[in-house]
N, C-alpha and C. Protein backbone atom coordinates (compact mmCIF):
# COMPACT_ATOMS: atom_id res chain seq x y z
N MET A 1 12.42 -18.27 -4.09
CA MET A 1 11.25 -17.89 -3.31
C MET A 1 11.57 -16.62 -2.54
N LYS A 2 10.68 -15.65 -2.67
CA LYS A 2 10.81 -14.39 -1.94
C LYS A 2 9.82 -14.38 -0.78
N LYS A 3 10.20 -13.70 0.28
CA LYS A 3 9.32 -13.51 1.44
C LYS A 3 8.77 -12.09 1.35
N ILE A 4 7.45 -11.99 1.20
CA ILE A 4 6.83 -10.71 0.90
C ILE A 4 5.69 -10.42 1.87
N VAL A 5 5.68 -9.19 2.38
CA VAL A 5 4.56 -8.69 3.20
C VAL A 5 3.69 -7.83 2.29
N ILE A 6 2.38 -8.05 2.36
CA ILE A 6 1.45 -7.29 1.52
C ILE A 6 0.34 -6.70 2.37
N THR A 7 0.10 -5.40 2.21
CA THR A 7 -1.07 -4.76 2.81
C THR A 7 -2.07 -4.52 1.69
N GLY A 8 -3.34 -4.42 2.03
CA GLY A 8 -4.35 -4.22 1.00
C GLY A 8 -4.52 -5.44 0.12
N ALA A 9 -4.18 -6.59 0.64
CA ALA A 9 -4.17 -7.83 -0.15
C ALA A 9 -5.56 -8.32 -0.54
N THR A 10 -6.60 -7.89 0.17
CA THR A 10 -7.95 -8.35 -0.17
C THR A 10 -8.64 -7.43 -1.17
N GLY A 11 -7.98 -6.35 -1.56
CA GLY A 11 -8.53 -5.45 -2.57
C GLY A 11 -8.35 -6.03 -3.96
N LEU A 12 -8.88 -5.35 -4.95
CA LEU A 12 -8.87 -5.83 -6.34
C LEU A 12 -7.45 -6.12 -6.84
N ILE A 13 -6.56 -5.17 -6.70
CA ILE A 13 -5.17 -5.37 -7.15
C ILE A 13 -4.47 -6.39 -6.26
N GLY A 14 -4.65 -6.27 -4.96
CA GLY A 14 -3.99 -7.16 -4.01
C GLY A 14 -4.32 -8.63 -4.22
N ARG A 15 -5.58 -8.93 -4.44
CA ARG A 15 -5.98 -10.34 -4.65
C ARG A 15 -5.27 -10.95 -5.85
N GLU A 16 -5.26 -10.22 -6.96
CA GLU A 16 -4.63 -10.74 -8.17
C GLU A 16 -3.11 -10.83 -8.01
N LEU A 17 -2.53 -9.84 -7.38
CA LEU A 17 -1.08 -9.86 -7.14
C LEU A 17 -0.71 -11.05 -6.26
N CYS A 18 -1.47 -11.28 -5.19
CA CYS A 18 -1.18 -12.40 -4.29
C CYS A 18 -1.27 -13.73 -5.02
N LYS A 19 -2.27 -13.90 -5.86
CA LYS A 19 -2.39 -15.14 -6.63
C LYS A 19 -1.15 -15.35 -7.50
N SER A 20 -0.72 -14.29 -8.16
CA SER A 20 0.44 -14.36 -9.04
C SER A 20 1.72 -14.68 -8.25
N LEU A 21 1.90 -14.02 -7.12
CA LEU A 21 3.09 -14.27 -6.30
C LEU A 21 3.08 -15.68 -5.72
N PHE A 22 1.91 -16.15 -5.32
CA PHE A 22 1.80 -17.51 -4.79
C PHE A 22 2.14 -18.53 -5.88
N THR A 23 1.70 -18.27 -7.10
CA THR A 23 2.01 -19.16 -8.22
C THR A 23 3.52 -19.24 -8.45
N ARG A 24 4.22 -18.14 -8.17
CA ARG A 24 5.69 -18.12 -8.27
C ARG A 24 6.36 -18.81 -7.10
N ARG A 25 5.56 -19.24 -6.13
CA ARG A 25 6.04 -19.91 -4.92
C ARG A 25 6.62 -18.94 -3.88
N ASP A 26 6.24 -17.68 -3.96
CA ASP A 26 6.67 -16.72 -2.95
C ASP A 26 5.89 -16.96 -1.66
N GLU A 27 6.51 -16.61 -0.55
CA GLU A 27 5.90 -16.77 0.78
C GLU A 27 5.26 -15.44 1.17
N LEU A 28 3.94 -15.46 1.42
CA LEU A 28 3.19 -14.24 1.64
C LEU A 28 2.75 -14.08 3.09
N THR A 29 3.05 -12.91 3.64
CA THR A 29 2.51 -12.50 4.94
C THR A 29 1.57 -11.34 4.65
N ILE A 30 0.34 -11.48 5.07
CA ILE A 30 -0.70 -10.49 4.79
C ILE A 30 -0.98 -9.68 6.04
N PHE A 31 -0.95 -8.35 5.92
CA PHE A 31 -1.40 -7.45 6.98
C PHE A 31 -2.81 -7.04 6.61
N SER A 32 -3.76 -7.28 7.51
CA SER A 32 -5.16 -7.00 7.18
C SER A 32 -5.94 -6.49 8.38
N THR A 33 -6.88 -5.60 8.11
CA THR A 33 -7.80 -5.14 9.16
C THR A 33 -8.90 -6.17 9.39
N SER A 34 -9.04 -7.11 8.46
CA SER A 34 -10.05 -8.16 8.59
C SER A 34 -9.39 -9.52 8.37
N VAL A 35 -8.91 -10.11 9.46
CA VAL A 35 -8.17 -11.37 9.39
C VAL A 35 -9.02 -12.48 8.77
N GLU A 36 -10.27 -12.58 9.19
CA GLU A 36 -11.14 -13.65 8.68
C GLU A 36 -11.34 -13.52 7.17
N LYS A 37 -11.58 -12.30 6.70
CA LYS A 37 -11.76 -12.08 5.26
C LYS A 37 -10.48 -12.45 4.51
N ALA A 38 -9.34 -12.02 5.03
CA ALA A 38 -8.07 -12.31 4.37
C ALA A 38 -7.81 -13.81 4.30
N LYS A 39 -8.10 -14.52 5.38
CA LYS A 39 -7.90 -15.97 5.37
C LYS A 39 -8.83 -16.65 4.38
N ALA A 40 -10.05 -16.14 4.24
CA ALA A 40 -11.01 -16.73 3.31
C ALA A 40 -10.63 -16.45 1.86
N VAL A 41 -10.20 -15.22 1.59
CA VAL A 41 -9.87 -14.82 0.22
C VAL A 41 -8.50 -15.32 -0.21
N LEU A 42 -7.57 -15.42 0.74
CA LEU A 42 -6.18 -15.78 0.44
C LEU A 42 -5.73 -16.95 1.32
N PRO A 43 -6.35 -18.11 1.16
CA PRO A 43 -6.06 -19.24 2.05
C PRO A 43 -4.62 -19.76 1.93
N PHE A 44 -3.93 -19.39 0.88
CA PHE A 44 -2.57 -19.85 0.64
C PHE A 44 -1.51 -18.99 1.34
N ALA A 45 -1.91 -17.89 1.97
CA ALA A 45 -0.95 -17.02 2.67
C ALA A 45 -0.31 -17.79 3.82
N LYS A 46 0.99 -17.60 4.00
CA LYS A 46 1.68 -18.27 5.10
C LYS A 46 1.17 -17.75 6.44
N GLU A 47 0.91 -16.44 6.49
CA GLU A 47 0.50 -15.82 7.75
C GLU A 47 -0.39 -14.61 7.44
N VAL A 48 -1.41 -14.43 8.28
CA VAL A 48 -2.25 -13.24 8.21
C VAL A 48 -2.16 -12.54 9.56
N VAL A 49 -1.74 -11.28 9.53
CA VAL A 49 -1.51 -10.50 10.74
C VAL A 49 -2.60 -9.44 10.86
N GLU A 50 -3.22 -9.37 12.04
CA GLU A 50 -4.21 -8.32 12.27
C GLU A 50 -3.49 -6.98 12.31
N TRP A 51 -3.97 -6.03 11.53
CA TRP A 51 -3.29 -4.75 11.36
C TRP A 51 -4.29 -3.61 11.54
N LYS A 52 -4.57 -3.31 12.80
CA LYS A 52 -5.55 -2.26 13.10
C LYS A 52 -4.95 -1.14 13.94
N ASN A 53 -3.91 -1.44 14.66
CA ASN A 53 -3.30 -0.45 15.56
C ASN A 53 -2.06 0.11 14.87
N TYR A 54 -2.19 1.31 14.32
CA TYR A 54 -1.10 1.87 13.53
C TYR A 54 -0.02 2.53 14.37
N ASP A 55 -0.12 2.39 15.70
CA ASP A 55 0.94 2.85 16.59
C ASP A 55 1.79 1.67 17.07
N LYS A 56 1.38 0.48 16.73
CA LYS A 56 2.05 -0.74 17.19
C LYS A 56 3.30 -1.02 16.34
N ASP A 57 4.27 -1.66 16.94
CA ASP A 57 5.49 -2.06 16.25
C ASP A 57 5.27 -3.42 15.59
N TYR A 58 5.35 -3.46 14.27
CA TYR A 58 5.16 -4.69 13.51
C TYR A 58 6.48 -5.22 12.94
N SER A 59 7.60 -4.74 13.47
CA SER A 59 8.91 -5.12 12.91
C SER A 59 9.16 -6.62 12.94
N VAL A 60 8.61 -7.32 13.91
CA VAL A 60 8.82 -8.77 13.99
C VAL A 60 8.29 -9.47 12.73
N TYR A 61 7.27 -8.91 12.11
CA TYR A 61 6.70 -9.51 10.89
C TYR A 61 7.43 -9.05 9.63
N LEU A 62 8.20 -7.97 9.74
CA LEU A 62 8.91 -7.42 8.60
C LEU A 62 10.38 -7.85 8.56
N GLU A 63 10.88 -8.28 9.69
CA GLU A 63 12.29 -8.69 9.83
C GLU A 63 12.64 -9.78 8.82
N GLY A 64 13.68 -9.50 8.01
CA GLY A 64 14.18 -10.51 7.08
C GLY A 64 13.34 -10.73 5.83
N LYS A 65 12.30 -9.93 5.65
CA LYS A 65 11.48 -10.08 4.44
C LYS A 65 12.21 -9.45 3.26
N ASP A 66 11.93 -9.95 2.08
CA ASP A 66 12.56 -9.40 0.87
C ASP A 66 11.88 -8.12 0.41
N ALA A 67 10.56 -8.05 0.59
CA ALA A 67 9.81 -6.91 0.07
C ALA A 67 8.57 -6.63 0.91
N VAL A 68 8.17 -5.38 0.89
CA VAL A 68 6.88 -4.96 1.44
C VAL A 68 6.13 -4.29 0.30
N ILE A 69 4.93 -4.77 0.05
CA ILE A 69 4.07 -4.17 -0.99
C ILE A 69 2.88 -3.57 -0.26
N HIS A 70 2.78 -2.25 -0.32
CA HIS A 70 1.78 -1.51 0.46
C HIS A 70 0.67 -1.00 -0.46
N LEU A 71 -0.46 -1.69 -0.42
CA LEU A 71 -1.61 -1.34 -1.26
C LEU A 71 -2.80 -0.84 -0.45
N ALA A 72 -2.67 -0.80 0.86
CA ALA A 72 -3.82 -0.48 1.73
C ALA A 72 -4.28 0.96 1.58
N GLY A 73 -5.58 1.14 1.72
CA GLY A 73 -6.18 2.47 1.72
C GLY A 73 -7.66 2.38 1.44
N ALA A 74 -8.42 3.26 2.07
CA ALA A 74 -9.87 3.30 1.85
C ALA A 74 -10.15 3.60 0.38
N SER A 75 -11.17 2.99 -0.16
CA SER A 75 -11.53 3.17 -1.56
C SER A 75 -11.90 4.63 -1.84
N VAL A 76 -11.35 5.17 -2.92
CA VAL A 76 -11.73 6.53 -3.31
C VAL A 76 -13.06 6.53 -4.04
N ALA A 77 -13.53 5.35 -4.41
CA ALA A 77 -14.83 5.23 -5.08
C ALA A 77 -15.89 4.67 -4.14
N GLY A 78 -15.51 4.44 -2.90
CA GLY A 78 -16.37 3.73 -1.97
C GLY A 78 -17.58 4.49 -1.46
N LYS A 79 -17.42 5.79 -1.25
CA LYS A 79 -18.48 6.58 -0.62
C LYS A 79 -18.41 8.02 -1.10
N ARG A 80 -19.42 8.78 -0.70
CA ARG A 80 -19.41 10.22 -0.95
C ARG A 80 -18.28 10.84 -0.11
N TRP A 81 -17.57 11.79 -0.68
CA TRP A 81 -16.43 12.39 -0.01
C TRP A 81 -16.84 13.53 0.92
N ASN A 82 -17.46 13.22 2.04
CA ASN A 82 -17.71 14.24 3.05
C ASN A 82 -16.42 14.40 3.86
N GLN A 83 -16.40 15.31 4.81
CA GLN A 83 -15.17 15.56 5.58
C GLN A 83 -14.69 14.31 6.31
N SER A 84 -15.63 13.55 6.85
CA SER A 84 -15.28 12.34 7.59
C SER A 84 -14.62 11.31 6.67
N TYR A 85 -15.18 11.13 5.47
CA TYR A 85 -14.61 10.13 4.56
C TYR A 85 -13.29 10.62 3.98
N LYS A 86 -13.15 11.91 3.76
CA LYS A 86 -11.86 12.44 3.30
C LYS A 86 -10.77 12.14 4.33
N LYS A 87 -11.12 12.30 5.60
CA LYS A 87 -10.17 11.99 6.67
C LYS A 87 -9.81 10.50 6.64
N GLU A 88 -10.80 9.64 6.40
CA GLU A 88 -10.53 8.20 6.31
C GLU A 88 -9.62 7.88 5.12
N ILE A 89 -9.89 8.49 3.97
CA ILE A 89 -9.04 8.29 2.79
C ILE A 89 -7.60 8.69 3.13
N TYR A 90 -7.43 9.85 3.72
CA TYR A 90 -6.10 10.36 4.06
C TYR A 90 -5.41 9.47 5.10
N ASP A 91 -6.08 9.27 6.23
CA ASP A 91 -5.48 8.52 7.34
C ASP A 91 -5.16 7.07 6.97
N SER A 92 -6.00 6.45 6.14
CA SER A 92 -5.78 5.05 5.78
C SER A 92 -4.54 4.88 4.91
N ARG A 93 -4.04 5.94 4.37
CA ARG A 93 -2.81 5.89 3.57
C ARG A 93 -1.60 6.40 4.37
N ILE A 94 -1.74 7.56 4.95
CA ILE A 94 -0.60 8.18 5.64
C ILE A 94 -0.25 7.43 6.92
N ASN A 95 -1.23 7.15 7.74
CA ASN A 95 -0.94 6.47 9.02
C ASN A 95 -0.41 5.06 8.82
N THR A 96 -0.93 4.35 7.83
CA THR A 96 -0.44 2.99 7.59
C THR A 96 0.99 3.02 7.05
N THR A 97 1.27 3.97 6.16
CA THR A 97 2.63 4.09 5.63
C THR A 97 3.60 4.47 6.74
N ARG A 98 3.20 5.43 7.56
CA ARG A 98 4.04 5.85 8.69
C ARG A 98 4.34 4.65 9.60
N ASN A 99 3.32 3.83 9.86
CA ASN A 99 3.49 2.65 10.70
C ASN A 99 4.48 1.66 10.09
N LEU A 100 4.36 1.41 8.80
CA LEU A 100 5.28 0.49 8.14
C LEU A 100 6.72 1.02 8.17
N VAL A 101 6.89 2.30 7.88
CA VAL A 101 8.22 2.90 7.88
C VAL A 101 8.84 2.81 9.28
N SER A 102 8.07 3.16 10.28
CA SER A 102 8.55 3.09 11.66
C SER A 102 8.94 1.67 12.05
N SER A 103 8.15 0.70 11.63
CA SER A 103 8.45 -0.70 11.94
C SER A 103 9.68 -1.19 11.17
N ILE A 104 9.83 -0.77 9.92
CA ILE A 104 11.00 -1.16 9.13
C ILE A 104 12.27 -0.58 9.75
N GLU A 105 12.20 0.65 10.25
CA GLU A 105 13.37 1.28 10.89
C GLU A 105 13.93 0.42 12.01
N LYS A 106 13.07 -0.32 12.69
CA LYS A 106 13.48 -1.13 13.84
C LYS A 106 14.04 -2.50 13.45
N CYS A 107 13.95 -2.86 12.19
CA CYS A 107 14.43 -4.17 11.74
C CYS A 107 15.95 -4.19 11.65
N GLU A 108 16.54 -5.30 12.09
CA GLU A 108 17.98 -5.52 11.89
C GLU A 108 18.23 -5.81 10.41
N GLN A 109 17.45 -6.73 9.85
CA GLN A 109 17.55 -7.08 8.44
C GLN A 109 16.31 -6.52 7.74
N LYS A 110 16.48 -5.34 7.15
CA LYS A 110 15.36 -4.62 6.55
C LYS A 110 14.99 -5.23 5.19
N PRO A 111 13.74 -5.04 4.78
CA PRO A 111 13.36 -5.49 3.44
C PRO A 111 14.23 -4.77 2.39
N GLU A 112 14.46 -5.44 1.28
CA GLU A 112 15.25 -4.84 0.20
C GLU A 112 14.48 -3.73 -0.50
N VAL A 113 13.16 -3.91 -0.61
CA VAL A 113 12.36 -2.97 -1.38
C VAL A 113 11.01 -2.73 -0.70
N PHE A 114 10.55 -1.50 -0.81
CA PHE A 114 9.23 -1.09 -0.33
C PHE A 114 8.50 -0.55 -1.55
N ILE A 115 7.46 -1.25 -1.95
CA ILE A 115 6.65 -0.84 -3.11
C ILE A 115 5.33 -0.31 -2.57
N SER A 116 5.03 0.93 -2.90
CA SER A 116 3.81 1.54 -2.39
C SER A 116 2.90 1.99 -3.52
N ALA A 117 1.63 1.71 -3.34
CA ALA A 117 0.64 2.26 -4.26
C ALA A 117 0.57 3.76 -4.06
N SER A 118 0.18 4.44 -5.09
CA SER A 118 -0.23 5.84 -5.06
C SER A 118 -1.30 5.92 -6.14
N ALA A 119 -1.54 7.10 -6.67
CA ALA A 119 -2.61 7.21 -7.67
C ALA A 119 -2.29 8.30 -8.67
N ILE A 120 -2.89 8.19 -9.84
CA ILE A 120 -2.74 9.26 -10.83
C ILE A 120 -3.42 10.53 -10.34
N GLY A 121 -4.20 10.42 -9.27
CA GLY A 121 -4.76 11.60 -8.63
C GLY A 121 -3.67 12.57 -8.19
N PHE A 122 -2.43 12.10 -8.10
CA PHE A 122 -1.27 12.93 -7.78
C PHE A 122 -1.23 14.16 -8.70
N TYR A 123 -1.60 13.96 -9.97
CA TYR A 123 -1.46 15.01 -10.98
C TYR A 123 -2.62 16.00 -11.00
N GLY A 124 -3.72 15.67 -10.33
CA GLY A 124 -4.88 16.54 -10.34
C GLY A 124 -5.59 16.51 -11.69
N GLU A 125 -6.58 17.33 -11.82
CA GLU A 125 -7.37 17.42 -13.07
C GLU A 125 -6.59 18.24 -14.09
N ARG A 126 -6.22 17.64 -15.20
CA ARG A 126 -5.42 18.33 -16.23
C ARG A 126 -6.07 18.29 -17.60
N LYS A 127 -7.32 17.91 -17.66
CA LYS A 127 -8.07 17.82 -18.92
C LYS A 127 -7.33 16.93 -19.92
N ASP A 128 -6.88 17.49 -21.03
CA ASP A 128 -6.27 16.69 -22.10
C ASP A 128 -4.74 16.73 -22.08
N SER A 129 -4.16 17.19 -21.01
CA SER A 129 -2.69 17.28 -20.92
C SER A 129 -2.07 15.89 -20.93
N ILE A 130 -0.93 15.79 -21.59
CA ILE A 130 -0.16 14.56 -21.56
C ILE A 130 0.76 14.64 -20.35
N LEU A 131 0.71 13.62 -19.51
CA LEU A 131 1.46 13.62 -18.25
C LEU A 131 2.47 12.49 -18.22
N SER A 132 3.54 12.69 -17.48
CA SER A 132 4.52 11.63 -17.24
C SER A 132 4.84 11.62 -15.75
N GLU A 133 5.66 10.70 -15.33
CA GLU A 133 5.99 10.62 -13.91
C GLU A 133 6.76 11.84 -13.42
N THR A 134 7.29 12.64 -14.34
CA THR A 134 8.00 13.85 -13.94
C THR A 134 7.10 15.08 -13.93
N SER A 135 5.84 14.93 -14.31
CA SER A 135 4.90 16.06 -14.28
C SER A 135 4.66 16.50 -12.84
N SER A 136 4.36 17.77 -12.68
CA SER A 136 4.14 18.31 -11.34
C SER A 136 2.84 17.79 -10.73
N ALA A 137 2.77 17.89 -9.42
CA ALA A 137 1.57 17.46 -8.70
C ALA A 137 0.46 18.49 -8.89
N GLY A 138 -0.76 18.02 -8.71
CA GLY A 138 -1.92 18.91 -8.76
C GLY A 138 -2.08 19.65 -7.44
N ASN A 139 -3.24 20.30 -7.29
CA ASN A 139 -3.45 21.10 -6.09
C ASN A 139 -4.86 20.88 -5.53
N ASP A 140 -5.36 19.66 -5.62
CA ASP A 140 -6.67 19.36 -5.06
C ASP A 140 -6.52 18.35 -3.92
N PHE A 141 -7.62 17.94 -3.34
CA PHE A 141 -7.56 17.04 -2.18
C PHE A 141 -6.77 15.76 -2.48
N LEU A 142 -7.13 15.06 -3.54
CA LEU A 142 -6.47 13.78 -3.82
C LEU A 142 -4.98 13.97 -4.14
N SER A 143 -4.65 15.06 -4.82
CA SER A 143 -3.24 15.36 -5.08
C SER A 143 -2.47 15.48 -3.77
N HIS A 144 -3.04 16.20 -2.82
CA HIS A 144 -2.37 16.38 -1.53
C HIS A 144 -2.25 15.07 -0.76
N VAL A 145 -3.26 14.21 -0.88
CA VAL A 145 -3.17 12.88 -0.26
C VAL A 145 -1.99 12.13 -0.86
N CYS A 146 -1.90 12.11 -2.19
CA CYS A 146 -0.83 11.37 -2.86
C CYS A 146 0.55 11.95 -2.54
N ILE A 147 0.66 13.26 -2.51
CA ILE A 147 1.94 13.91 -2.18
C ILE A 147 2.39 13.47 -0.79
N ASP A 148 1.50 13.60 0.18
CA ASP A 148 1.85 13.22 1.56
C ASP A 148 2.12 11.73 1.68
N TRP A 149 1.36 10.92 0.97
CA TRP A 149 1.51 9.46 0.99
C TRP A 149 2.91 9.08 0.50
N GLU A 150 3.30 9.66 -0.62
CA GLU A 150 4.61 9.34 -1.19
C GLU A 150 5.75 9.87 -0.31
N LYS A 151 5.59 11.06 0.24
CA LYS A 151 6.64 11.64 1.10
C LYS A 151 6.84 10.83 2.38
N THR A 152 5.78 10.22 2.87
CA THR A 152 5.85 9.50 4.14
C THR A 152 6.86 8.35 4.09
N SER A 153 7.09 7.79 2.92
CA SER A 153 8.04 6.66 2.83
C SER A 153 9.43 7.07 2.34
N GLU A 154 9.66 8.35 2.09
CA GLU A 154 10.95 8.80 1.55
C GLU A 154 12.13 8.42 2.43
N GLN A 155 11.96 8.47 3.75
CA GLN A 155 13.09 8.21 4.65
C GLN A 155 13.62 6.78 4.54
N LEU A 156 12.86 5.89 3.92
CA LEU A 156 13.35 4.52 3.74
C LEU A 156 14.62 4.50 2.88
N GLU A 157 14.72 5.43 1.96
CA GLU A 157 15.90 5.48 1.10
C GLU A 157 17.17 5.72 1.90
N MET A 158 17.07 6.48 3.00
CA MET A 158 18.23 6.72 3.87
C MET A 158 18.60 5.46 4.66
N LEU A 159 17.68 4.50 4.71
CA LEU A 159 17.93 3.23 5.39
C LEU A 159 18.37 2.15 4.40
N ASN A 160 18.67 2.56 3.17
CA ASN A 160 19.07 1.65 2.09
C ASN A 160 17.98 0.65 1.73
N VAL A 161 16.73 1.09 1.86
CA VAL A 161 15.59 0.29 1.38
C VAL A 161 15.14 0.95 0.08
N ARG A 162 15.24 0.19 -1.01
CA ARG A 162 14.80 0.72 -2.30
C ARG A 162 13.30 0.99 -2.23
N ARG A 163 12.87 2.08 -2.82
CA ARG A 163 11.47 2.49 -2.74
C ARG A 163 10.93 2.68 -4.15
N ALA A 164 9.78 2.09 -4.41
CA ALA A 164 9.11 2.26 -5.70
C ALA A 164 7.67 2.70 -5.43
N ILE A 165 7.23 3.68 -6.19
CA ILE A 165 5.86 4.20 -6.07
C ILE A 165 5.14 3.85 -7.36
N VAL A 166 3.96 3.26 -7.24
CA VAL A 166 3.16 2.86 -8.40
C VAL A 166 1.90 3.72 -8.42
N ARG A 167 1.83 4.65 -9.36
CA ARG A 167 0.66 5.54 -9.47
C ARG A 167 -0.35 4.92 -10.44
N THR A 168 -1.32 4.26 -9.87
CA THR A 168 -2.33 3.59 -10.70
C THR A 168 -3.50 4.52 -11.00
N GLY A 169 -4.17 4.19 -12.08
CA GLY A 169 -5.42 4.86 -12.43
C GLY A 169 -6.58 4.02 -11.92
N ILE A 170 -7.73 4.22 -12.49
CA ILE A 170 -8.90 3.44 -12.11
C ILE A 170 -8.68 2.01 -12.59
N VAL A 171 -8.91 1.05 -11.70
CA VAL A 171 -8.72 -0.36 -12.03
C VAL A 171 -10.09 -1.02 -12.08
N LEU A 172 -10.36 -1.68 -13.19
CA LEU A 172 -11.65 -2.35 -13.37
C LEU A 172 -11.42 -3.82 -13.67
N SER A 173 -12.39 -4.63 -13.31
CA SER A 173 -12.37 -6.03 -13.70
C SER A 173 -13.81 -6.47 -13.90
N THR A 174 -13.99 -7.66 -14.41
CA THR A 174 -15.35 -8.18 -14.60
C THR A 174 -15.98 -8.55 -13.26
N ASP A 175 -15.16 -8.68 -12.22
CA ASP A 175 -15.66 -9.06 -10.90
C ASP A 175 -15.85 -7.88 -9.96
N ASP A 176 -15.12 -6.80 -10.18
CA ASP A 176 -15.07 -5.72 -9.20
C ASP A 176 -14.54 -4.46 -9.88
N GLY A 177 -14.54 -3.35 -9.16
CA GLY A 177 -13.95 -2.12 -9.67
C GLY A 177 -14.90 -1.27 -10.46
């Protein structure tokens, strides 16, 4: 049994991941901006922590955990991208990651691994180009969000916390997406 903290657990990927981890008998701590929604959607979670203040120290919830899976972020398909929503897209990724990194730094027994979502938006618009994880970043808004998002967790490697970045594409299901 692994002890895992998950952000973005009520989203499309998060819900399915949590179900799978629970089936494996892992112990889940959910960080959520909507505690009631998280408890309703994920009633099997050991603990649901309100996560709205990104300046707060959450190390007590991260201490001794095996992994942190960071999926949180405003939907890129949720609304029209005006300046205000672009700021929300950016801040919901960078500030939350910064908060997790800062909290992990304070842990005596740090998580072994930090897995963070990112997006294929990292690569920008490349038309028919074949891309790999070693391809260069793009130069548009979403590319810059992804670049900054990924860089924000780099310092975890100096703390001997293994870091994995998962660049997903558009995720669809029959229920959502």
